[in-house]
Amino acid sequence: MSYSDYSQGSIAACGEEIYHQRLREKIESNHKGKFLTIDIETGNYEIDADEVVSSMRLLEKHPEAVLYCLRIGFPAAHRIGFKISTPTQ
């Protein structure tokens, strides 16, 4: 299948299901903070500190893969915004 055969929500739902049911327990403690890219059709995955690298490795194996990427141990892959802190005196 191709990306056009899936809705964005179904890709995310399938990727999350694979992560929570098959992968989380065996990879989270050793790879927290790294990026996990899952081929939702095969269940194959790659882990790397760089999400592009993990995605490219999967695409080299299967160019038509439908990919879902997440940051291991975090609710979101990226953070938007910033925090300004002032020095305490």
PDB file of N, CA and C in Angstrom:
ATOM      1  N   MET A   1       0.842  -1.176   0.000  1.00  0.00           N
ATOM      2  CA  MET A   1       0.000   0.000   0.000  1.00  0.00           C
ATOM      3  C   MET A   1       0.889   1.241   0.000  1.00  0.00           C
ATOM      4  N   SER A   2       0.312   2.366  -0.273  1.00  0.00           N
ATOM      5  CA  SER A   2       1.059   3.616  -0.247  1.00  0.00           C
ATOM      6  C   SER A   2       0.433   4.562   0.770  1.00  0.00           C
ATOM      7  N   TYR A   3       1.112   5.691   0.983  1.00  0.00           N
ATOM      8  CA  TYR A   3       0.591   6.678   1.926  1.00  0.00           C
ATOM      9  C   TYR A   3      -0.826   7.113   1.580  1.00  0.00           C
ATOM     10  N   SER A   4      -1.114   7.186   0.284  1.00  0.00           N
ATOM     11  CA  SER A   4      -2.444   7.655  -0.122  1.00  0.00           C
ATOM     12  C   SER A   4      -3.553   6.692   0.287  1.00  0.00           C
ATOM     13  N   ASP A   5      -3.204   5.467   0.627  1.00  0.00           N
ATOM     14  CA  ASP A   5      -4.194   4.491   1.065  1.00  0.00           C
ATOM     15  C   ASP A   5      -4.533   4.618   2.549  1.00  0.00           C
ATOM     16  N   TYR A   6      -3.835   5.491   3.246  1.00  0.00           N
ATOM     17  CA  TYR A   6      -4.032   5.673   4.685  1.00  0.00           C
ATOM     18  C   TYR A   6      -4.382   7.124   4.987  1.00  0.00           C
ATOM     19  N   SER A   7      -5.145   7.331   6.040  1.00  0.00           N
ATOM     20  CA  SER A   7      -5.326   8.689   6.559  1.00  0.00           C
ATOM     21  C   SER A   7      -4.196   8.932   7.539  1.00  0.00           C
ATOM     22  N   GLN A   8      -3.917  10.213   7.805  1.00  0.00           N
ATOM     23  CA  GLN A   8      -2.875  10.541   8.784  1.00  0.00           C
ATOM     24  C   GLN A   8      -3.177   9.898  10.130  1.00  0.00           C
ATOM     25  N   GLY A   9      -4.428   9.936  10.523  1.00  0.00           N
ATOM     26  CA  GLY A   9      -4.809   9.366  11.811  1.00  0.00           C
ATOM     27  C   GLY A   9      -4.608   7.868  11.870  1.00  0.00           C
ATOM     28  N   SER A  10      -4.861   7.185  10.763  1.00  0.00           N
ATOM     29  CA  SER A  10      -4.698   5.733  10.787  1.00  0.00           C
ATOM     30  C   SER A  10      -3.225   5.333  10.820  1.00  0.00           C
ATOM     31  N   ILE A  11      -2.355   6.129  10.188  1.00  0.00           N
ATOM     32  CA  ILE A  11      -0.915   5.851  10.262  1.00  0.00           C
ATOM     33  C   ILE A  11      -0.448   6.002  11.707  1.00  0.00           C
ATOM     34  N   ALA A  12      -0.848   7.091  12.333  1.00  0.00           N
ATOM     35  CA  ALA A  12      -0.453   7.333  13.726  1.00  0.00           C
ATOM     36  C   ALA A  12      -1.000   6.257  14.655  1.00  0.00           C
ATOM     37  N   ALA A  13      -2.259   5.890  14.476  1.00  0.00           N
ATOM     38  CA  ALA A  13      -2.871   4.877  15.338  1.00  0.00           C
ATOM     39  C   ALA A  13      -2.158   3.540  15.188  1.00  0.00           C
ATOM     40  N   CYS A  14      -1.858   3.166  13.967  1.00  0.00           N
ATOM     41  CA  CYS A  14      -1.175   1.897  13.724  1.00  0.00           C
ATOM     42  C   CYS A  14       0.245   1.926  14.302  1.00  0.00           C
ATOM     43  N   GLY A  15       0.961   3.033  14.097  1.00  0.00           N
ATOM     44  CA  GLY A  15       2.309   3.158  14.635  1.00  0.00           C
ATOM     45  C   GLY A  15       2.334   3.097  16.150  1.00  0.00           C
ATOM     46  N   GLU A  16       1.407   3.789  16.789  1.00  0.00           N
ATOM     47  CA  GLU A  16       1.315   3.758  18.247  1.00  0.00           C
ATOM     48  C   GLU A  16       0.984   2.361  18.761  1.00  0.00           C
ATOM     49  N   GLU A  17       0.095   1.681  18.069  1.00  0.00           N
ATOM     50  CA  GLU A  17      -0.276   0.328  18.478  1.00  0.00           C
ATOM     51  C   GLU A  17       0.925  -0.607  18.403  1.00  0.00           C
ATOM     52  N   ILE A  18       1.672  -0.550  17.305  1.00  0.00           N
ATOM     53  CA  ILE A  18       2.867  -1.392  17.169  1.00  0.00           C
ATOM     54  C   ILE A  18       3.852  -1.075  18.282  1.00  0.00           C
ATOM     55  N   TYR A  19       4.070   0.214  18.529  1.00  0.00           N
ATOM     56  CA  TYR A  19       5.018   0.613  19.573  1.00  0.00           C
ATOM     57  C   TYR A  19       4.606   0.079  20.937  1.00  0.00           C
ATOM     58  N   HIS A  20       3.370   0.329  21.324  1.00  0.00           N
ATOM     59  CA  HIS A  20       2.930  -0.054  22.670  1.00  0.00           C
ATOM     60  C   HIS A  20       2.776  -1.561  22.846  1.00  0.00           C
ATOM     61  N   GLN A  21       2.344  -2.261  21.816  1.00  0.00           N
ATOM     62  CA  GLN A  21       2.102  -3.696  21.965  1.00  0.00           C
ATOM     63  C   GLN A  21       3.342  -4.556  21.728  1.00  0.00           C
ATOM     64  N   ARG A  22       4.244  -4.118  20.857  1.00  0.00           N
ATOM     65  CA  ARG A  22       5.370  -4.987  20.483  1.00  0.00           C
ATOM     66  C   ARG A  22       6.742  -4.483  20.881  1.00  0.00           C
ATOM     67  N   LEU A  23       6.917  -3.173  20.967  1.00  0.00           N
ATOM     68  CA  LEU A  23       8.280  -2.650  21.067  1.00  0.00           C
ATOM     69  C   LEU A  23       8.630  -1.944  22.372  1.00  0.00           C
ATOM     70  N   ARG A  24       7.694  -1.274  22.967  1.00  0.00           N
ATOM     71  CA  ARG A  24       7.985  -0.392  24.100  1.00  0.00           C
ATOM     72  C   ARG A  24       8.793  -1.059  25.196  1.00  0.00           C
ATOM     73  N   GLU A  25       8.335  -2.196  25.664  1.00  0.00           N
ATOM     74  CA  GLU A  25       9.015  -2.864  26.782  1.00  0.00           C
ATOM     75  C   GLU A  25      10.454  -3.228  26.463  1.00  0.00           C
ATOM     76  N   LYS A  26      10.734  -3.613  25.232  1.00  0.00           N
ATOM     77  CA  LYS A  26      12.084  -4.073  24.934  1.00  0.00           C
ATOM     78  C   LYS A  26      13.044  -2.971  24.521  1.00  0.00           C
ATOM     79  N   ILE A  27      12.539  -1.771  24.170  1.00  0.00           N
ATOM     80  CA  ILE A  27      13.470  -0.738  23.711  1.00  0.00           C
ATOM     81  C   ILE A  27      13.492   0.547  24.545  1.00  0.00           C
ATOM     82  N   GLU A  28      12.437   0.825  25.296  1.00  0.00           N
ATOM     83  CA  GLU A  28      12.353   2.137  25.946  1.00  0.00           C
ATOM     84  C   GLU A  28      13.475   2.409  26.946  1.00  0.00           C
ATOM     85  N   SER A  29      13.832   1.457  27.768  1.00  0.00           N
ATOM     86  CA  SER A  29      14.826   1.732  28.807  1.00  0.00           C
ATOM     87  C   SER A  29      16.225   1.991  28.240  1.00  0.00           C
ATOM     88  N   ASN A  30      16.564   1.383  27.128  1.00  0.00           N
ATOM     89  CA  ASN A  30      17.901   1.553  26.546  1.00  0.00           C
ATOM     90  C   ASN A  30      17.993   2.660  25.501  1.00  0.00           C
ATOM     91  N   HIS A  31      16.869   3.151  25.022  1.00  0.00           N
ATOM     92  CA  HIS A  31      16.894   4.097  23.909  1.00  0.00           C
ATOM     93  C   HIS A  31      16.074   5.367  24.152  1.00  0.00           C
ATOM     94  N   LYS A  32      15.774   5.673  25.401  1.00  0.00           N
ATOM     95  CA  LYS A  32      14.945   6.852  25.708  1.00  0.00           C
ATOM     96  C   LYS A  32      15.574   8.110  25.103  1.00  0.00           C
ATOM     97  N   GLY A  33      14.729   8.889  24.426  1.00  0.00           N
ATOM     98  CA  GLY A  33      15.172  10.122  23.805  1.00  0.00           C
ATOM     99  C   GLY A  33      15.568   9.979  22.350  1.00  0.00           C
ATOM    100  N   LYS A  34      15.794   8.756  21.906  1.00  0.00           N
ATOM    101  CA  LYS A  34      16.126   8.522  20.500  1.00  0.00           C
ATOM    102  C   LYS A  34      14.839   8.440  19.679  1.00  0.00           C
ATOM    103  N   PHE A  35      14.995   8.459  18.372  1.00  0.00           N
ATOM    104  CA  PHE A  35      13.848   8.384  17.479  1.00  0.00           C
ATOM    105  C   PHE A  35      13.650   6.961  16.978  1.00  0.00           C
ATOM    106  N   LEU A  36      12.412   6.546  16.984  1.00  0.00           N
ATOM    107  CA  LEU A  36      12.006   5.234  16.486  1.00  0.00           C
ATOM    108  C   LEU A  36      11.164   5.471  15.245  1.00  0.00           C
ATOM    109  N   THR A  37      11.541   4.846  14.143  1.00  0.00           N
ATOM    110  CA  THR A  37      10.755   4.904  12.924  1.00  0.00           C
ATOM    111  C   THR A  37      10.268   3.492  12.634  1.00  0.00           C
ATOM    112  N   ILE A  38       8.961   3.365  12.460  1.00  0.00           N
ATOM    113  CA  ILE A  38       8.321   2.064  12.254  1.00  0.00           C
ATOM    114  C   ILE A  38       7.705   2.027  10.869  1.00  0.00           C
ATOM    115  N   ASP A  39       7.927   0.930  10.147  1.00  0.00           N
ATOM    116  CA  ASP A  39       7.187   0.660   8.918  1.00  0.00           C
ATOM    117  C   ASP A  39       5.889   0.010   9.377  1.00  0.00           C
ATOM    118  N   ILE A  40       4.774   0.710   9.270  1.00  0.00           N
ATOM    119  CA  ILE A  40       3.523   0.205   9.841  1.00  0.00           C
ATOM    120  C   ILE A  40       2.983  -1.011   9.100  1.00  0.00           C
ATOM    121  N   GLU A  41       3.475  -1.274   7.899  1.00  0.00           N
ATOM    122  CA  GLU A  41       2.985  -2.436   7.156  1.00  0.00           C
ATOM    123  C   GLU A  41       3.731  -3.716   7.523  1.00  0.00           C
ATOM    124  N   THR A  42       5.011  -3.605   7.857  1.00  0.00           N
ATOM    125  CA  THR A  42       5.792  -4.804   8.169  1.00  0.00           C
ATOM    126  C   THR A  42       6.130  -4.928   9.651  1.00  0.00           C
ATOM    127  N   GLY A  43       6.089  -3.806  10.370  1.00  0.00           N
ATOM    128  CA  GLY A  43       6.512  -3.814  11.767  1.00  0.00           C
ATOM    129  C   GLY A  43       8.012  -3.646  11.923  1.00  0.00           C
ATOM    130  N   ASN A  44       8.760  -3.590  10.810  1.00  0.00           N
ATOM    131  CA  ASN A  44      10.199  -3.347  10.890  1.00  0.00           C
ATOM    132  C   ASN A  44      10.431  -1.949  11.443  1.00  0.00           C
ATOM    133  N   TYR A  45      11.566  -1.761  12.096  1.00  0.00           N
ATOM    134  CA  TYR A  45      11.843  -0.460  12.701  1.00  0.00           C
ATOM    135  C   TYR A  45      13.329  -0.181  12.740  1.00  0.00           C
ATOM    136  N   GLU A  46      13.639   1.088  12.910  1.00  0.00           N
ATOM    137  CA  GLU A  46      15.013   1.555  13.088  1.00  0.00           C
ATOM    138  C   GLU A  46      15.016   2.570  14.221  1.00  0.00           C
ATOM    139  N   ILE A  47      16.133   2.635  14.938  1.00  0.00           N
ATOM    140  CA  ILE A  47      16.308   3.574  16.044  1.00  0.00           C
ATOM    141  C   ILE A  47      17.579   4.355  15.795  1.00  0.00           C
ATOM    142  N   ASP A  48      17.512   5.670  16.009  1.00  0.00           N
ATOM    143  CA  ASP A  48      18.699   6.500  15.866  1.00  0.00           C
ATOM    144  C   ASP A  48      18.473   7.803  16.632  1.00  0.00           C
ATOM    145  N   ALA A  49      19.552   8.494  16.953  1.00  0.00           N
ATOM    146  CA  ALA A  49      19.445   9.801  17.593  1.00  0.00           C
ATOM    147  C   ALA A  49      18.897  10.841  16.617  1.00  0.00           C
ATOM    148  N   ASP A  50      18.978  10.549  15.328  1.00  0.00           N
ATOM    149  CA  ASP A  50      18.492  11.444  14.274  1.00  0.00           C
ATOM    150  C   ASP A  50      17.321  10.775  13.561  1.00  0.00           C
ATOM    151  N   GLU A  51      16.151  11.422  13.572  1.00  0.00           N
ATOM    152  CA  GLU A  51      14.973  10.798  12.980  1.00  0.00           C
ATOM    153  C   GLU A  51      15.098  10.602  11.475  1.00  0.00           C
ATOM    154  N   VAL A  52      15.824  11.480  10.798  1.00  0.00           N
ATOM    155  CA  VAL A  52      16.005  11.329   9.359  1.00  0.00           C
ATOM    156  C   VAL A  52      16.835  10.085   9.060  1.00  0.00           C
ATOM    157  N   VAL A  53      17.864   9.851   9.839  1.00  0.00           N
ATOM    158  CA  VAL A  53      18.715   8.674   9.647  1.00  0.00           C
ATOM    159  C   VAL A  53      17.910   7.392   9.839  1.00  0.00           C
ATOM    160  N   SER A  54      17.105   7.331  10.893  1.00  0.00           N
ATOM    161  CA  SER A  54      16.318   6.114  11.125  1.00  0.00           C
ATOM    162  C   SER A  54      15.306   5.913  10.002  1.00  0.00           C
ATOM    163  N   SER A  55      14.717   6.981   9.511  1.00  0.00           N
ATOM    164  CA  SER A  55      13.752   6.868   8.411  1.00  0.00           C
ATOM    165  C   SER A  55      14.432   6.430   7.117  1.00  0.00           C
ATOM    166  N   MET A  56      15.578   6.998   6.817  1.00  0.00           N
ATOM    167  CA  MET A  56      16.287   6.646   5.582  1.00  0.00           C
ATOM    168  C   MET A  56      16.744   5.192   5.581  1.00  0.00           C
ATOM    169  N   ARG A  57      17.158   4.683   6.731  1.00  0.00           N
ATOM    170  CA  ARG A  57      17.558   3.268   6.800  1.00  0.00           C
ATOM    171  C   ARG A  57      16.391   2.354   6.463  1.00  0.00           C
ATOM    172  N   LEU A  58      15.197   2.684   6.973  1.00  0.00           N
ATOM    173  CA  LEU A  58      14.022   1.874   6.640  1.00  0.00           C
ATOM    174  C   LEU A  58      13.665   1.996   5.171  1.00  0.00           C
ATOM    175  N   LEU A  59      13.738   3.199   4.637  1.00  0.00           N
ATOM    176  CA  LEU A  59      13.395   3.400   3.227  1.00  0.00           C
ATOM    177  C   LEU A  59      14.397   2.725   2.287  1.00  0.00           C
ATOM    178  N   GLU A  60      15.638   2.578   2.716  1.00  0.00           N
ATOM    179  CA  GLU A  60      16.616   1.847   1.911  1.00  0.00           C
ATOM    180  C   GLU A  60      16.213   0.369   1.785  1.00  0.00           C
ATOM    181  N   LYS A  61      15.657  -0.163   2.851  1.00  0.00           N
ATOM    182  CA  LYS A  61      15.226  -1.568   2.853  1.00  0.00           C
ATOM    183  C   LYS A  61      13.926  -1.761   2.080  1.00  0.00           C
ATOM    184  N   HIS A  62      13.015  -0.799   2.213  1.00  0.00           N
ATOM    185  CA  HIS A  62      11.695  -0.904   1.587  1.00  0.00           C
ATOM    186  C   HIS A  62      11.243   0.490   1.160  1.00  0.00           C
ATOM    187  N   PRO A  63      11.554   0.885  -0.078  1.00  0.00           N
ATOM    188  CA  PRO A  63      11.264   2.248  -0.538  1.00  0.00           C
ATOM    189  C   PRO A  63       9.792   2.656  -0.482  1.00  0.00           C
ATOM    190  N   GLU A  64       8.888   1.715  -0.474  1.00  0.00           N
ATOM    191  CA  GLU A  64       7.455   2.028  -0.444  1.00  0.00           C
ATOM    192  C   GLU A  64       6.875   1.958   0.971  1.00  0.00           C
ATOM    193  N   ALA A  65       7.738   1.889   1.967  1.00  0.00           N
ATOM    194  CA  ALA A  65       7.282   1.757   3.354  1.00  0.00           C
ATOM    195  C   ALA A  65       6.426   2.943   3.778  1.00  0.00           C
ATOM    196  N   VAL A  66       5.457   2.674   4.622  1.00  0.00           N
ATOM    197  CA  VAL A  66       4.637   3.718   5.227  1.00  0.00           C
ATOM    198  C   VAL A  66       5.173   3.906   6.642  1.00  0.00           C
ATOM    199  N   LEU A  67       5.774   5.056   6.893  1.00  0.00           N
ATOM    200  CA  LEU A  67       6.532   5.263   8.121  1.00  0.00           C
ATOM    201  C   LEU A  67       5.781   6.075   9.164  1.00  0.00           C
ATOM    202  N   TYR A  68       6.030   5.694  10.414  1.00  0.00           N
ATOM    203  CA  TYR A  68       5.561   6.441  11.579  1.00  0.00           C
ATOM    204  C   TYR A  68       6.774   6.642  12.473  1.00  0.00           C
ATOM    205  N   CYS A  69       6.997   7.867  12.916  1.00  0.00           N
ATOM    206  CA  CYS A  69       8.167   8.177  13.732  1.00  0.00           C
ATOM    207  C   CYS A  69       7.733   8.755  15.074  1.00  0.00           C
ATOM    208  N   LEU A  70       8.426   8.350  16.130  1.00  0.00           N
ATOM    209  CA  LEU A  70       8.168   8.904  17.457  1.00  0.00           C
ATOM    210  C   LEU A  70       9.475   9.008  18.218  1.00  0.00           C
ATOM    211  N   ARG A  71       9.454   9.809  19.267  1.00  0.00           N
ATOM    212  CA  ARG A  71      10.613   9.928  20.146  1.00  0.00           C
ATOM    213  C   ARG A  71      10.362   9.033  21.347  1.00  0.00           C
ATOM    214  N   ILE A  72      11.231   8.101  21.558  1.00  0.00           N
ATOM    215  CA  ILE A  72      11.057   7.082  22.581  1.00  0.00           C
ATOM    216  C   ILE A  72      11.036   7.713  23.977  1.00  0.00           C
ATOM    217  N   GLY A  73       9.942   7.426  24.710  1.00  0.00           N
ATOM    218  CA  GLY A  73       9.815   7.892  26.079  1.00  0.00           C
ATOM    219  C   GLY A  73       9.276   9.291  26.233  1.00  0.00           C
ATOM    220  N   PHE A  74       8.847   9.926  25.138  1.00  0.00           N
ATOM    221  CA  PHE A  74       8.319  11.283  25.190  1.00  0.00           C
ATOM    222  C   PHE A  74       6.956  11.336  24.515  1.00  0.00           C
ATOM    223  N   PRO A  75       6.087  12.243  24.963  1.00  0.00           N
ATOM    224  CA  PRO A  75       4.752  12.333  24.361  1.00  0.00           C
ATOM    225  C   PRO A  75       4.758  12.965  22.973  1.00  0.00           C
ATOM    226  N   ALA A  76       5.813  13.689  22.617  1.00  0.00           N
ATOM    227  CA  ALA A  76       5.909  14.316  21.293  1.00  0.00           C
ATOM    228  C   ALA A  76       7.354  14.226  20.808  1.00  0.00           C
ATOM    229  N   ALA A  77       7.523  14.170  19.495  1.00  0.00           N
ATOM    230  CA  ALA A  77       8.868  14.072  18.932  1.00  0.00           C
ATOM    231  C   ALA A  77       9.640  15.375  19.065  1.00  0.00           C
ATOM    232  N   HIS A  78       8.921  16.502  18.958  1.00  0.00           N
ATOM    233  CA  HIS A  78       9.572  17.803  18.998  1.00  0.00           C
ATOM    234  C   HIS A  78       8.802  18.739  19.913  1.00  0.00           C
ATOM    235  N   ARG A  79       9.483  19.759  20.356  1.00  0.00           N
ATOM    236  CA  ARG A  79       8.866  20.764  21.202  1.00  0.00           C
ATOM    237  C   ARG A  79       8.815  22.071  20.420  1.00  0.00           C
ATOM    238  N   ILE A  80       7.693  22.734  20.498  1.00  0.00           N
ATOM    239  CA  ILE A  80       7.530  24.016  19.827  1.00  0.00           C
ATOM    240  C   ILE A  80       7.549  25.113  20.882  1.00  0.00           C
ATOM    241  N   GLY A  81       8.297  26.149  20.637  1.00  0.00           N
ATOM    242  CA  GLY A  81       8.379  27.255  21.588  1.00  0.00           C
ATOM    243  C   GLY A  81       9.659  27.203  22.379  1.00  0.00           C
ATOM    244  N   PHE A  82       9.737  28.072  23.340  1.00  0.00           N
ATOM    245  CA  PHE A  82      10.924  28.137  24.170  1.00  0.00           C
ATOM    246  C   PHE A  82      10.554  28.675  25.535  1.00  0.00           C
ATOM    247  N   LYS A  83      11.481  28.565  26.432  1.00  0.00           N
ATOM    248  CA  LYS A  83      11.266  29.042  27.798  1.00  0.00           C
ATOM    249  C   LYS A  83      12.400  30.002  28.139  1.00  0.00           C
ATOM    250  N   ILE A  84      12.026  31.146  28.642  1.00  0.00           N
ATOM    251  CA  ILE A  84      13.028  32.108  29.076  1.00  0.00           C
ATOM    252  C   ILE A  84      13.098  32.024  30.599  1.00  0.00           C
ATOM    253  N   SER A  85      14.279  31.817  31.091  1.00  0.00           N
ATOM    254  CA  SER A  85      14.423  31.800  32.538  1.00  0.00           C
ATOM    255  C   SER A  85      15.318  32.961  32.938  1.00  0.00           C
ATOM    256  N   THR A  86      15.000  33.522  34.055  1.00  0.00           N
ATOM    257  CA  THR A  86      15.787  34.634  34.572  1.00  0.00           C
ATOM    258  C   THR A  86      16.658  34.131  35.693  1.00  0.00           C
ATOM    259  N   PRO A  87      17.849  34.676  35.775  1.00  0.00           N
ATOM    260  CA  PRO A  87      18.744  34.234  36.857  1.00  0.00           C
ATOM    261  C   PRO A  87      18.176  34.607  38.216  1.00  0.00           C
ATOM    262  N   THR A  88      18.347  33.726  39.165  1.00  0.00           N
ATOM    263  CA  THR A  88      17.904  34.022  40.525  1.00  0.00           C
ATOM    264  C   THR A  88      19.022  34.754  41.258  1.00  0.00           C
ATOM    265  N   GLN A  89      18.610  35.662  42.111  1.00  0.00           N
ATOM    266  CA  GLN A  89      19.626  36.429  42.855  1.00  0.00           C
ATOM    267  C   GLN A  89      19.644  36.057  44.300  1.00  0.00           C
TER     268      GLN A  89
END
